[in-house]
Amino acid sequence: MNRVRTRIAPSPTGDPHVGTAYIALFNRCFAHRQKGDFILRIEDTDRERSNVQSEKDILSSLAWMGLQWDEGPDCGGDFGPYRQSERSEIYKQHIDQLLDQDKVFRCFCSGERLDKLRQQQMQTKQQPGYDGHCLQLSEGQIAARLAANEEYVVRMKKPESGDCVFEDFLRGEVRISWDQVDMQVLVKSDGLPTYHFANVVDDHLMQISDVIRGEEWINSTPKHLLIYQYFGWQPPVFCHMPLLRNLDKSKLSKRKNPTSIGYYRAMGYLPQALSNYLGLMGWSMPSGEEKFTLEEMTEHFDISRVSLGGPIFDIEKLNWLNGKYIREDLTDDQFAAQYTQWAFDHQKVKQIVPLLKQRVEKFSDVVELGGFFLNGIPDTDSATFAHKSLDALLQVKILQFTLWKLEQSNEWKRDIIESELQSLARALDLKIRDFLFPLFVAISGKAVSTSVIESITILGVDICRARLRQAMETLGGISKKQAKALEKEFNALA
């Protein structure tokens, strides 16, 4: 029997997501239960959005949770490189092979033509997708366009009729009509592969035996199987896990729940409790025990026992489990040591001290003035946000625009944050003092506190995001219609 090899392949384009940890956990347990290998691969071919800090955060967060990998960009292995940006020549060789075999084709269509096509399809209620226009080009026409250095992408050819039928480990037979599958771009105009092409090439070359991923990829599986067929490769076993859900059964999203691993780390959750909780998402120990270690989960792991019902990510349940770990697993000395390490991290304290030192007269003042640095979400109500010239709707706009602006920033530095907030205040025609008022309340729980810009810088994106969202809810929340209108206004300002 071939060695079991699984992988997790996050894109370094944002905060490390609990959904990534959830899929990583099940991949690791499946592989290690069978004495196989768990691989971490970085899918960073999106040049505009990928960044080095995001990759560092992903590696740090997964390692913090105990989800260590056997091969990866930091520890190497026999199948590297483990960053897609370092595998460009490999992808070029493989796409050239498919071009030579006439299994894919060059598409020279402009963005304007594709936009017009999409609009026409939407108006006539057709399935959106490429219409095969460049499939009609002759060899001479293609040669002339290449000689003129016209930009092109490489698209996949696909069957014109029939169904793609494949076996999913959890779901059995899956049937998807080829009419529902687009002629996917495999290589972009910059020469870099899309996820779909690089994913298949890497999985084959890295000898991945089982692809365990979220169910959102089910509809992409026909494209991937077609690429395996192009090359004459044996595809892996596909297993699509149920997605994590909010309490209202919608897909887990940062709009309704903190989704960043960094948030839970900053809030003082124990990594073993978070890993344990994610293990309960659609799976349980044979004994029914809800508290178990990663080693115990691996020892008893049977992926066939995963339930397809959408697992609910309930923070109250996570809080209960985390408290259970604190009470049952930590001695008083361990509790004191871990709490001290979390609350009084030297680097963090060094940043906070200059803000407090100028405002206190005795050490006992520190708790009142700076306690919000160690709290979760400040306890506020609508009265806390009372202001002589800012009504609730305008404050919600300020908070939402600030949140969007901060989420756009790849660098979390004081001068950048200050510049962005001043720019927003000018765009909204507000005095900076008034603009910052709801931010003071959202971040510290008070109208007057330490510098809100310094505080935002120190607390970091994960905690600030959660506090800004909670403040908006306190002020009455925001409907989907309002969100769309605000997003349109925000984009216009940008």
Protein backbone atom coordinates (compact mmCIF):
# COMPACT_ATOMS: atom_id res chain seq x y z
CA MET A 1 0.00 0.00 0.00
CA ASN A 2 1.28 3.49 -0.88
CA ARG A 3 2.23 5.78 1.97
CA VAL A 4 -0.55 8.11 3.10
CA ARG A 5 0.31 11.75 2.45
CA THR A 6 -2.02 14.69 3.11
CA ARG A 7 -1.53 18.44 2.88
CA ILE A 8 -2.83 21.82 3.87
CA ALA A 9 -2.23 24.60 1.35
CA PRO A 10 -3.12 28.05 2.72
CA SER A 11 -2.73 31.27 0.77
CA PRO A 12 -0.74 33.96 2.65
CA THR A 13 -3.26 36.70 1.91
CA GLY A 14 -4.74 37.53 5.30
CA ASP A 15 -5.13 36.42 8.88
CA PRO A 16 -4.70 32.73 9.76
CA HIS A 17 -8.29 31.41 9.76
CA VAL A 18 -9.77 28.88 12.19
CA GLY A 19 -11.18 27.14 9.10
CA THR A 20 -7.61 26.55 7.91
CA ALA A 21 -6.73 25.07 11.31
CA TYR A 22 -9.85 22.89 11.20
CA ILE A 23 -8.88 21.36 7.84
CA ALA A 24 -5.23 21.10 8.92
CA LEU A 25 -6.25 19.23 12.07
CA PHE A 26 -8.22 16.58 10.18
CA ASN A 27 -5.49 16.17 7.56
CA ARG A 28 -2.84 15.74 10.25
CA CYS A 29 -4.86 13.25 12.28
CA PHE A 30 -5.75 11.20 9.18
CA ALA A 31 -2.12 10.98 8.02
CA HIS A 32 -0.54 10.34 11.40
CA ARG A 33 -3.14 7.74 12.35
CA GLN A 34 -1.80 5.72 9.42
CA LYS A 35 1.87 6.56 10.05
CA GLY A 36 1.87 8.85 7.03
CA ASP A 37 3.02 12.41 6.35
CA PHE A 38 1.30 15.76 6.75
CA ILE A 39 2.61 18.49 4.42
CA LEU A 40 2.24 22.26 4.57
CA ARG A 41 2.46 24.07 1.23
CA ILE A 42 2.17 27.81 0.71
CA GLU A 43 0.03 28.80 -2.29
CA ASP A 44 1.37 32.29 -2.96
CA THR A 45 0.92 32.82 -6.70
CA ASP A 46 -1.39 35.79 -6.08
CA ARG A 47 1.33 38.43 -6.27
CA GLU A 48 -0.89 41.36 -5.34
CA ARG A 49 -2.37 39.88 -2.16
CA SER A 50 0.30 37.47 -0.89
CA ASN A 51 2.66 38.83 1.74
CA VAL A 52 5.50 37.52 3.86
CA GLN A 53 3.95 38.54 7.19
CA SER A 54 0.79 36.56 6.45
CA GLU A 55 2.90 33.46 5.78
CA LYS A 56 4.77 33.95 9.06
CA ASP A 57 1.47 34.34 10.91
CA ILE A 58 0.07 31.14 9.36
CA LEU A 59 3.13 29.09 10.32
CA SER A 60 3.21 30.59 13.83
CA SER A 61 -0.51 30.08 14.46
CA LEU A 62 -0.67 26.46 13.29
CA ALA A 63 2.49 25.61 15.25
CA TRP A 64 1.03 27.33 18.34
CA MET A 65 -1.98 25.03 18.07
CA GLY A 66 0.27 21.97 17.96
CA LEU A 67 -0.53 21.22 14.30
CA GLN A 68 3.08 20.65 13.31
CA TRP A 69 3.80 19.45 9.78
CA ASP A 70 6.32 16.89 8.55
CA GLU A 71 7.37 18.81 5.42
CA GLY A 72 7.06 22.49 4.61
CA PRO A 73 8.75 25.75 3.61
CA ASP A 74 10.42 26.13 7.00
CA CYS A 75 11.61 22.55 7.56
CA GLY A 76 12.09 21.32 4.00
CA GLY A 77 11.51 17.81 2.70
CA ASP A 78 12.08 15.61 -0.33
CA PHE A 79 9.37 17.21 -2.48
CA GLY A 80 10.16 20.93 -2.26
CA PRO A 81 10.12 23.78 -2.86
CA TYR A 82 7.00 24.18 -0.70
CA ARG A 83 6.14 27.69 -1.88
CA GLN A 84 4.40 27.91 -5.22
CA SER A 85 6.23 31.14 -6.04
CA GLU A 86 9.44 29.06 -6.10
CA ARG A 87 8.00 26.44 -8.49
CA SER A 88 7.37 28.61 -11.58
CA GLU A 89 9.62 26.58 -13.88
CA ILE A 90 7.82 23.38 -12.90
CA TYR A 91 4.45 24.86 -13.87
CA LYS A 92 5.85 26.24 -17.15
CA GLN A 93 7.14 22.82 -18.17
CA HIS A 94 3.79 21.23 -17.45
CA ILE A 95 1.64 23.83 -19.22
CA ASP A 96 3.95 23.72 -22.24
CA GLN A 97 3.39 19.97 -22.36
CA LEU A 98 -0.38 20.44 -22.45
CA LEU A 99 -0.11 23.17 -25.11
CA ASP A 100 1.99 20.86 -27.28
CA GLN A 101 -0.62 18.13 -26.86
CA ASP A 102 -3.47 20.56 -27.72
CA LYS A 103 -5.28 19.80 -24.46
CA VAL A 104 -5.42 23.46 -23.45
CA PHE A 105 -5.58 26.67 -25.48
CA ARG A 106 -4.41 30.27 -25.46
CA CYS A 107 -7.11 32.87 -24.88
CA PHE A 108 -6.40 36.44 -26.06
CA CYS A 109 -9.78 37.90 -25.03
CA SER A 110 -9.62 41.31 -23.41
CA GLY A 111 -11.07 42.08 -20.02
CA GLU A 112 -13.63 44.33 -21.73
CA ARG A 113 -14.89 41.49 -23.93
CA LEU A 114 -15.14 39.11 -20.98
CA ASP A 115 -17.02 41.70 -18.90
CA LYS A 116 -19.48 42.27 -21.75
CA LEU A 117 -19.94 38.52 -22.20
CA ARG A 118 -20.64 38.09 -18.48
CA GLN A 119 -23.21 40.89 -18.52
CA GLN A 120 -24.98 39.37 -21.53
CA GLN A 121 -25.10 35.96 -19.86
CA MET A 122 -26.52 37.43 -16.68
CA GLN A 123 -29.17 39.36 -18.62
CA THR A 124 -30.27 36.20 -20.47
CA LYS A 125 -29.97 34.08 -17.32
CA GLN A 126 -27.33 31.81 -18.85
CA GLN A 127 -24.68 29.92 -16.90
CA PRO A 128 -21.75 32.37 -16.58
CA GLY A 129 -18.59 31.16 -18.25
CA TYR A 130 -16.23 31.49 -21.16
CA ASP A 131 -17.85 30.99 -24.59
CA GLY A 132 -14.89 29.32 -26.35
CA HIS A 133 -14.23 32.28 -28.65
CA CYS A 134 -10.46 31.71 -28.95
CA LEU A 135 -10.92 27.99 -29.64
CA GLN A 136 -11.82 29.08 -33.19
CA LEU A 137 -8.46 30.76 -33.85
CA SER A 138 -6.28 29.14 -36.51
CA GLU A 139 -2.62 28.32 -35.94
CA GLY A 140 -1.71 31.28 -38.14
CA GLN A 141 -3.86 33.68 -36.16
CA ILE A 142 -2.35 32.43 -32.91
CA ALA A 143 1.20 32.76 -34.30
CA ALA A 144 0.48 36.32 -35.46
CA ARG A 145 -0.85 37.35 -32.06
CA LEU A 146 2.13 35.80 -30.30
CA ALA A 147 4.49 37.61 -32.69
CA ALA A 148 2.71 40.86 -31.79
CA ASN A 149 3.31 40.10 -28.07
CA GLU A 150 -0.41 40.14 -27.30
CA GLU A 151 -1.22 39.11 -23.74
CA TYR A 152 -2.99 35.81 -23.25
CA VAL A 153 -4.06 33.32 -20.62
CA VAL A 154 -4.13 29.55 -20.97
CA ARG A 155 -7.54 27.92 -20.52
CA MET A 156 -8.57 24.30 -20.18
CA LYS A 157 -10.66 22.50 -22.76
CA LYS A 158 -13.59 20.53 -21.43
CA PRO A 159 -16.23 18.08 -22.65
CA GLU A 160 -19.19 19.74 -24.37
CA SER A 161 -21.77 17.41 -22.87
CA GLY A 162 -22.33 14.73 -20.25
CA ASP A 163 -21.45 14.59 -16.58
CA CYS A 164 -18.31 14.34 -14.50
CA VAL A 165 -18.83 11.50 -12.02
CA PHE A 166 -16.47 10.93 -9.10
CA GLU A 167 -16.38 9.30 -5.69
CA ASP A 168 -16.13 11.42 -2.59
CA PHE A 169 -14.95 9.51 0.49
CA LEU A 170 -17.70 10.94 2.70
CA ARG A 171 -20.45 11.59 0.18
CA GLY A 172 -20.23 8.69 -2.22
CA GLU A 173 -20.95 9.32 -5.91
CA VAL A 174 -21.01 12.96 -6.98
CA ARG A 175 -22.30 13.92 -10.43
CA ILE A 176 -21.76 17.37 -11.95
CA SER A 177 -22.78 18.35 -15.47
CA TRP A 178 -19.97 19.62 -17.69
CA ASP A 179 -22.35 22.45 -18.62
CA GLN A 180 -21.77 23.79 -15.10
CA VAL A 181 -17.96 23.78 -15.50
CA ASP A 182 -16.12 26.76 -16.99
CA MET A 183 -13.12 26.67 -19.32
CA GLN A 184 -10.94 27.53 -16.34
CA VAL A 185 -7.90 29.78 -16.69
CA LEU A 186 -4.91 27.61 -15.77
CA VAL A 187 -2.12 30.13 -16.35
CA LYS A 188 -2.59 33.90 -15.98
CA SER A 189 -1.23 36.56 -18.32
CA ASP A 190 1.72 37.10 -15.97
CA GLY A 191 2.79 33.49 -16.53
CA LEU A 192 1.83 32.37 -13.04
CA PRO A 193 -0.56 29.44 -12.56
CA THR A 194 -3.99 29.74 -11.02
CA TYR A 195 -4.81 27.75 -7.91
CA HIS A 196 -6.51 25.02 -9.95
CA PHE A 197 -3.48 24.18 -12.10
CA ALA A 198 -0.74 24.57 -9.50
CA ASN A 199 -2.80 22.63 -6.96
CA VAL A 200 -3.05 19.54 -9.18
CA VAL A 201 0.55 19.64 -10.37
CA ASP A 202 1.85 20.04 -6.82
CA ASP A 203 -0.41 17.35 -5.35
CA HIS A 204 0.80 14.87 -7.97
CA LEU A 205 4.50 15.71 -7.68
CA MET A 206 4.33 15.73 -3.88
CA GLN A 207 2.60 12.32 -3.99
CA ILE A 208 -0.47 13.47 -2.07
CA SER A 209 -2.63 10.37 -1.61
CA ASP A 210 -5.71 11.96 -0.01
CA VAL A 211 -7.07 15.48 -0.54
CA ILE A 212 -9.11 16.45 2.51
CA ARG A 213 -10.55 19.92 2.01
CA GLY A 214 -13.67 22.01 2.55
CA GLU A 215 -16.89 21.28 0.69
CA GLU A 216 -16.67 24.61 -1.14
CA TRP A 217 -14.23 22.84 -3.50
CA ILE A 218 -16.68 20.14 -4.64
CA ASN A 219 -17.71 22.07 -7.75
CA SER A 220 -14.05 22.58 -8.69
CA THR A 221 -13.24 18.87 -8.53
CA PRO A 222 -14.25 18.19 -12.19
CA LYS A 223 -11.67 20.75 -13.32
CA HIS A 224 -9.02 19.10 -11.19
CA LEU A 225 -9.90 15.60 -12.36
CA LEU A 226 -9.73 16.78 -15.96
CA ILE A 227 -6.16 18.04 -15.41
CA TYR A 228 -5.21 14.66 -13.91
CA GLN A 229 -6.72 13.08 -17.02
CA TYR A 230 -4.76 15.42 -19.32
CA PHE A 231 -1.50 14.15 -17.86
CA GLY A 232 -2.58 10.53 -17.44
CA TRP A 233 -2.05 10.72 -13.67
CA GLN A 234 -3.87 8.76 -10.98
CA PRO A 235 -5.94 11.25 -8.94
CA PRO A 236 -5.91 11.17 -5.14
CA VAL A 237 -8.87 10.21 -2.96
CA PHE A 238 -11.10 13.26 -2.49
CA CYS A 239 -12.80 13.96 0.83
CA HIS A 240 -14.79 17.16 1.21
CA MET A 241 -15.34 18.24 4.81
CA PRO A 242 -18.46 20.13 5.94
CA LEU A 243 -17.93 23.86 6.37
CA LEU A 244 -17.87 25.50 9.79
CA ARG A 245 -21.08 27.44 10.44
CA ASN A 246 -22.23 30.42 12.49
CA LEU A 247 -25.03 29.93 15.00
CA ASP A 248 -27.55 30.92 12.30
CA LYS A 249 -26.19 28.10 10.07
CA SER A 250 -24.55 30.54 7.63
CA LYS A 251 -20.96 29.93 6.57
CA LEU A 252 -18.51 30.96 9.29
CA SER A 253 -17.40 34.50 8.52
CA LYS A 254 -15.55 37.30 10.26
CA ARG A 255 -18.67 39.47 9.95
CA LYS A 256 -20.43 37.34 12.58
CA ASN A 257 -17.65 35.55 14.47
CA PRO A 258 -13.97 36.14 15.20
CA THR A 259 -12.34 33.81 12.66
CA SER A 260 -8.66 34.64 13.09
CA ILE A 261 -6.54 32.24 15.12
CA GLY A 262 -4.69 35.33 16.31
CA TYR A 263 -7.85 36.59 18.02
CA TYR A 264 -8.15 33.48 20.19
CA ARG A 265 -4.45 33.55 20.96
CA ALA A 266 -4.62 37.24 21.95
CA MET A 267 -7.74 36.63 24.06
CA GLY A 268 -5.94 34.07 26.22
CA TYR A 269 -7.36 30.77 24.98
CA LEU A 270 -5.23 27.69 25.43
CA PRO A 271 -4.02 26.23 22.11
CA GLN A 272 -4.89 22.67 23.16
CA ALA A 273 -8.45 23.77 23.95
CA LEU A 274 -8.88 25.39 20.53
CA SER A 275 -7.49 22.30 18.75
CA ASN A 276 -9.75 20.07 20.85
CA TYR A 277 -12.78 22.23 20.04
CA LEU A 278 -12.10 22.12 16.29
CA GLY A 279 -11.83 18.35 16.62
CA LEU A 280 -15.43 18.32 17.84
CA MET A 281 -16.56 19.97 14.61
CA GLY A 282 -18.40 17.10 12.96
CA TRP A 283 -16.46 14.35 14.73
CA SER A 284 -16.35 12.80 18.19
CA MET A 285 -14.35 10.29 20.16
CA PRO A 286 -15.76 6.71 20.17
CA SER A 287 -16.38 7.09 23.92
CA GLY A 288 -18.23 10.38 23.40
CA GLU A 289 -15.71 12.23 25.58
CA GLU A 290 -15.59 15.92 24.62
CA LYS A 291 -12.23 16.74 26.16
CA PHE A 292 -9.29 14.99 24.49
CA THR A 293 -5.70 15.68 23.48
CA LEU A 294 -4.40 15.86 19.94
CA GLU A 295 -2.60 12.56 20.52
CA GLU A 296 -5.83 10.91 21.70
CA MET A 297 -7.72 12.24 18.69
CA THR A 298 -5.03 10.88 16.36
CA GLU A 299 -5.04 7.47 18.07
CA HIS A 300 -8.81 7.05 17.68
CA PHE A 301 -9.27 8.95 14.42
CA ASP A 302 -11.60 7.48 11.80
CA ILE A 303 -12.55 9.96 9.10
CA SER A 304 -15.54 7.87 8.03
CA ARG A 305 -17.19 8.99 11.29
CA VAL A 306 -17.23 12.65 10.20
CA SER A 307 -20.80 13.96 10.12
CA LEU A 308 -21.83 15.92 7.03
CA GLY A 309 -24.13 18.21 9.02
CA GLY A 310 -22.66 21.71 9.12
CA PRO A 311 -20.75 21.96 12.44
CA ILE A 312 -21.69 25.04 14.49
CA PHE A 313 -18.82 27.17 15.76
CA ASP A 314 -20.20 28.25 19.14
CA ILE A 315 -17.87 30.48 21.16
CA GLU A 316 -19.82 29.76 24.35
CA LYS A 317 -19.03 26.06 23.95
CA LEU A 318 -15.38 26.92 23.26
CA ASN A 319 -15.32 29.07 26.41
CA TRP A 320 -16.69 26.14 28.44
CA LEU A 321 -14.07 23.78 27.05
CA ASN A 322 -11.24 26.27 27.55
CA GLY A 323 -12.31 26.77 31.18
CA LYS A 324 -12.33 23.02 31.64
CA TYR A 325 -8.72 22.84 30.44
CA ILE A 326 -7.68 25.68 32.74
CA ARG A 327 -9.30 24.11 35.81
CA GLU A 328 -8.34 20.48 35.16
CA ASP A 329 -4.94 20.69 33.45
CA LEU A 330 -3.15 23.66 35.03
CA THR A 331 -1.71 23.64 38.53
CA ASP A 332 -1.78 26.96 40.38
CA ASP A 333 1.87 27.52 39.49
CA GLN A 334 1.25 26.72 35.82
CA PHE A 335 -1.78 29.01 35.76
CA ALA A 336 0.27 31.84 37.28
CA ALA A 337 3.12 31.27 34.83
CA GLN A 338 0.93 31.08 31.73
CA TYR A 339 -1.23 34.02 32.77
CA THR A 340 1.87 36.12 33.46
CA GLN A 341 3.33 35.19 30.09
CA TRP A 342 0.07 36.13 28.33
CA ALA A 343 -0.73 39.33 30.23
CA PHE A 344 2.76 40.70 30.80
CA ASP A 345 4.60 39.77 27.66
CA HIS A 346 7.70 41.97 27.83
CA GLN A 347 7.46 43.36 24.30
CA LYS A 348 3.80 44.26 24.76
CA VAL A 349 4.37 45.85 28.17
CA LYS A 350 7.21 47.95 26.72
CA GLN A 351 4.72 49.43 24.25
CA ILE A 352 2.03 50.07 26.87
CA VAL A 353 4.19 51.62 29.60
CA PRO A 354 4.88 54.98 27.83
CA LEU A 355 1.12 55.47 27.40
CA LEU A 356 0.37 54.83 31.07
CA LYS A 357 3.40 56.36 32.72
CA GLN A 358 2.45 59.94 31.83
CA ARG A 359 -1.11 59.55 33.15
CA VAL A 360 -0.85 57.68 36.46
CA GLU A 361 0.09 58.87 39.95
CA LYS A 362 0.32 55.43 41.55
CA PHE A 363 0.54 51.85 40.26
CA SER A 364 -3.04 51.08 41.27
CA ASP A 365 -4.17 53.63 38.66
CA VAL A 366 -2.89 51.33 35.93
CA VAL A 367 -5.85 48.95 36.14
CA GLU A 368 -8.42 51.71 35.64
CA LEU A 369 -6.48 53.41 32.84
CA GLY A 370 -4.96 50.47 30.99
CA GLY A 371 -7.12 47.50 31.92
CA PHE A 372 -8.66 47.44 28.44
CA PHE A 373 -5.34 46.15 27.07
CA LEU A 374 -6.01 42.90 28.97
CA ASN A 375 -9.79 42.74 28.55
CA GLY A 376 -11.79 41.04 25.86
CA ILE A 377 -14.63 43.13 24.43
CA PRO A 378 -15.37 46.33 26.44
CA ASP A 379 -18.75 46.39 28.18
CA THR A 380 -20.56 49.35 26.59
CA ASP A 381 -24.10 50.42 25.77
CA SER A 382 -25.61 53.03 23.48
CA ALA A 383 -25.31 55.66 26.23
CA THR A 384 -21.53 55.22 26.22
CA PHE A 385 -21.51 56.46 22.63
CA ALA A 386 -23.58 59.61 23.35
CA HIS A 387 -22.04 62.56 21.49
CA LYS A 388 -23.20 66.13 20.90
CA SER A 389 -22.77 66.06 17.11
CA LEU A 390 -22.38 62.40 16.05
CA ASP A 391 -25.53 60.32 15.82
CA ALA A 392 -25.51 56.51 15.90
CA LEU A 393 -25.64 56.08 12.11
CA LEU A 394 -22.64 58.34 11.54
CA GLN A 395 -20.68 56.56 14.26
CA VAL A 396 -21.48 53.20 12.66
CA LYS A 397 -20.17 54.59 9.37
CA ILE A 398 -16.96 55.77 11.05
CA LEU A 399 -16.44 52.38 12.70
CA GLN A 400 -17.17 50.42 9.53
CA PHE A 401 -14.96 52.60 7.33
CA THR A 402 -12.16 52.34 9.91
CA LEU A 403 -12.52 48.56 9.97
CA TRP A 404 -12.36 48.27 6.19
CA LYS A 405 -9.41 50.66 6.00
CA LEU A 406 -7.44 48.79 8.66
CA GLU A 407 -8.17 45.43 7.03
CA GLN A 408 -6.71 46.74 3.77
CA SER A 409 -3.39 47.54 5.40
CA ASN A 410 -0.57 45.00 5.11
CA GLU A 411 1.55 46.92 7.63
CA TRP A 412 0.28 47.41 11.17
CA LYS A 413 2.37 50.44 12.13
CA ARG A 414 1.47 53.56 14.08
CA ASP A 415 2.31 56.13 11.41
CA ILE A 416 0.42 54.19 8.73
CA ILE A 417 -2.64 53.77 10.95
CA GLU A 418 -2.57 57.48 11.89
CA SER A 419 -2.28 58.52 8.24
CA GLU A 420 -5.14 56.25 7.18
CA LEU A 421 -7.46 57.51 9.94
CA GLN A 422 -6.65 61.17 9.26
CA SER A 423 -7.36 60.56 5.57
CA LEU A 424 -10.74 59.02 6.43
CA ALA A 425 -11.63 61.93 8.72
CA ARG A 426 -10.89 64.43 5.93
CA ALA A 427 -12.89 62.37 3.41
CA LEU A 428 -15.89 62.42 5.79
CA ASP A 429 -15.38 66.11 6.48
CA LEU A 430 -15.02 65.51 10.21
CA LYS A 431 -12.67 67.01 12.75
CA ILE A 432 -10.18 64.34 13.81
CA ARG A 433 -11.31 64.72 17.45
CA ASP A 434 -14.91 63.88 16.52
CA PHE A 435 -13.89 61.13 14.12
CA LEU A 436 -11.85 59.38 16.82
CA PHE A 437 -14.60 59.54 19.46
CA PRO A 438 -16.39 56.25 18.59
CA LEU A 439 -13.01 54.58 18.18
CA PHE A 440 -12.03 55.55 21.73
CA VAL A 441 -15.24 53.99 23.06
CA ALA A 442 -15.01 50.88 20.85
CA ILE A 443 -11.37 50.16 21.69
CA SER A 444 -11.15 51.20 25.37
CA GLY A 445 -14.78 51.25 26.51
CA LYS A 446 -14.43 54.94 27.44
CA ALA A 447 -14.69 58.30 25.72
CA VAL A 448 -11.34 59.33 27.20
CA SER A 449 -8.36 57.02 27.42
CA THR A 450 -4.80 56.55 26.22
CA SER A 451 -4.07 57.51 22.61
CA VAL A 452 -6.51 55.47 20.53
CA ILE A 453 -4.06 55.26 17.61
CA GLU A 454 -1.32 53.94 19.90
CA SER A 455 -3.83 51.55 21.47
CA ILE A 456 -4.95 50.20 18.10
CA THR A 457 -1.32 49.68 17.11
CA ILE A 458 -0.53 47.73 20.29
CA LEU A 459 -3.70 45.63 20.42
CA GLY A 460 -3.37 44.46 16.82
CA VAL A 461 -5.85 43.73 14.07
CA ASP A 462 -7.53 40.67 15.61
CA ILE A 463 -8.69 42.27 18.87
CA CYS A 464 -9.45 45.65 17.25
CA ARG A 465 -11.57 44.02 14.55
CA ALA A 466 -13.68 42.24 17.18
CA ARG A 467 -14.11 45.40 19.26
CA LEU A 468 -15.10 47.54 16.28
CA ARG A 469 -17.69 44.99 15.19
CA GLN A 470 -19.12 44.73 18.69
CA ALA A 471 -19.34 48.53 18.91
CA MET A 472 -21.35 48.60 15.67
CA GLU A 473 -23.75 46.03 17.12
CA THR A 474 -24.10 48.13 20.29
CA LEU A 475 -25.05 51.10 18.12
CA GLY A 476 -27.80 49.12 16.42
CA GLY A 477 -25.92 47.02 13.91
CA ILE A 478 -25.93 47.25 10.15
CA SER A 479 -28.26 45.59 7.64
CA LYS A 480 -27.13 44.00 4.37
CA LYS A 481 -28.68 46.90 2.46
CA GLN A 482 -26.86 49.44 4.62
CA ALA A 483 -23.61 47.49 4.28
CA LYS A 484 -23.85 47.59 0.48
CA ALA A 485 -24.55 51.33 0.49
CA LEU A 486 -21.65 52.00 2.86
CA GLU A 487 -19.32 49.79 0.82
CA LYS A 488 -20.21 51.74 -2.33
CA GLU A 489 -19.52 55.03 -0.51
CA PHE A 490 -16.28 53.70 0.96
CA ASN A 491 -15.01 52.56 -2.45
CA ALA A 492 -15.87 55.95 -3.89
CA LEU A 493 -13.81 57.64 -1.17
CA ALA A 494 -10.89 55.34 -1.93
